[in-house]
Structure formats: C-alpha cells, structure tokens
Protein backbone atom coordinates (compact mmCIF):
# COMPACT_ATOMS: atom_id res chain seq x y z
CA MET A 1 142.12 99.18 110.40
CA GLU A 2 143.44 102.49 110.19
CA PRO A 3 140.88 105.25 111.24
CA LYS A 4 140.71 106.46 107.87
CA GLN A 5 139.59 103.28 106.40
CA LEU A 6 137.33 102.48 109.38
CA LEU A 7 135.86 105.82 108.63
CA THR A 8 135.42 105.57 104.87
CA GLN A 9 133.40 102.22 105.44
CA SER A 10 131.36 103.58 108.08
CA PHE A 11 130.21 106.34 105.47
CA GLN A 12 129.59 103.98 102.87
CA ALA A 13 127.85 101.66 104.89
CA ALA A 14 125.69 104.88 105.91
CA VAL A 15 125.10 106.13 102.57
CA ALA A 16 124.20 102.40 101.20
CA ALA A 17 121.51 101.89 104.41
CA ALA A 18 119.83 105.23 103.05
CA ASP A 19 119.50 104.62 99.11
CA PRO A 20 116.19 104.53 98.53
CA LEU A 21 116.76 102.05 95.92
CA LYS A 22 117.82 99.34 97.82
CA ILE A 23 115.17 100.12 100.69
CA LEU A 24 112.20 101.47 99.30
CA PRO A 25 111.29 98.20 97.03
CA ALA A 26 110.71 96.00 100.13
CA HIS A 27 108.14 98.61 101.60
CA LEU A 28 106.26 99.05 98.07
CA PRO A 29 102.87 97.01 98.17
CA HIS A 30 101.99 95.32 94.90
CA PRO A 31 101.41 97.44 91.63
CA PRO A 32 97.74 98.72 92.38
CA SER A 33 95.85 98.33 89.20
CA GLY A 34 94.43 101.23 87.71
CA GLU A 35 95.29 104.74 87.60
CA THR A 36 98.12 105.56 89.69
CA LEU A 37 99.46 108.80 91.19
CA VAL A 38 102.44 109.44 92.75
CA VAL A 39 103.72 112.37 93.93
CA GLY A 40 107.28 112.91 95.90
CA ALA A 41 108.97 116.44 96.60
CA GLY A 42 113.09 116.64 98.68
CA LYS A 43 116.14 115.85 98.04
CA ALA A 44 115.40 112.10 97.58
CA ALA A 45 112.56 112.75 95.45
CA ALA A 46 114.04 111.72 92.18
CA SER A 47 115.45 108.64 93.59
CA MET A 48 112.60 107.35 95.44
CA ALA A 49 110.66 107.98 92.12
CA LEU A 50 113.18 105.85 90.33
CA ALA A 51 112.54 103.12 92.83
CA VAL A 52 109.31 102.94 92.09
CA GLU A 53 109.42 103.41 88.38
CA GLN A 54 111.92 100.02 88.02
CA HIS A 55 109.52 98.05 90.83
CA TRP A 56 106.11 99.02 89.15
CA PRO A 57 106.46 98.73 85.79
CA GLY A 58 103.70 99.95 83.48
CA THR A 59 102.09 103.37 82.82
CA ARG A 60 101.87 105.33 86.07
CA ARG A 61 100.86 108.88 86.34
CA TRP A 62 103.78 110.39 89.12
CA ARG A 63 105.85 113.67 89.27
CA ALA A 64 108.86 114.01 91.89
CA TRP A 65 110.43 117.33 92.36
CA SER A 66 114.05 117.40 93.62
CA SER A 67 117.31 119.07 93.60
CA PRO A 68 118.63 120.10 89.90
CA ALA A 69 121.87 118.86 91.05
CA ILE A 70 120.86 114.85 91.32
CA GLY A 71 120.82 113.15 88.33
CA THR A 72 118.96 109.68 88.46
CA GLY A 73 118.03 109.14 85.10
CA CYS A 74 114.08 109.03 86.31
CA ARG A 75 111.78 109.81 83.33
CA HIS A 76 109.20 111.58 85.98
CA ALA A 77 111.50 113.31 87.89
CA ALA A 78 111.66 117.39 87.25
CA SER A 79 113.93 120.23 88.68
CA ARG A 80 112.52 123.05 90.29
C-alpha cells in the first residue's frame, strides 16, 4: 500500500470513529416520556443534536449551539 493511500484511509477511519451520527445512538437511552430538554454546545453540538433528533422521534425541546460553518440540517441547532 502506498503511504498516501495509507494516510488517507487512516484519516477517514479516524473521522468515522468520531462521527456522532455513528457512535452516539448506541449510547442513547430509550426516549423518555414527557418533556425532555437536551442542551449541547461546541463544534460537534449540531451533529450530536442531529443524532438525537433522528433517534428520538417526536416533539422534544432542545437547543444546540455550534460553529456557523457546520451545516447538518438539524432543525434544533443554532449558530452562535
């Protein structure tokens, strides 16, 4: 394997291992009944909020603050 290919594959594996959409759902409990407040902040907040949004369907109250450069399509994420 060429060094460039090895480095590229290693980088892609590291990014995938840190993707909240892939790793967070296994750590979420079952959706609680009643009102739930989810709060997040930081670079990965929007991705984490999207993971919660996708795995806890229904009406929830939450807000995630994130860098304006991060666009996840999460309905509950806001830029600072």
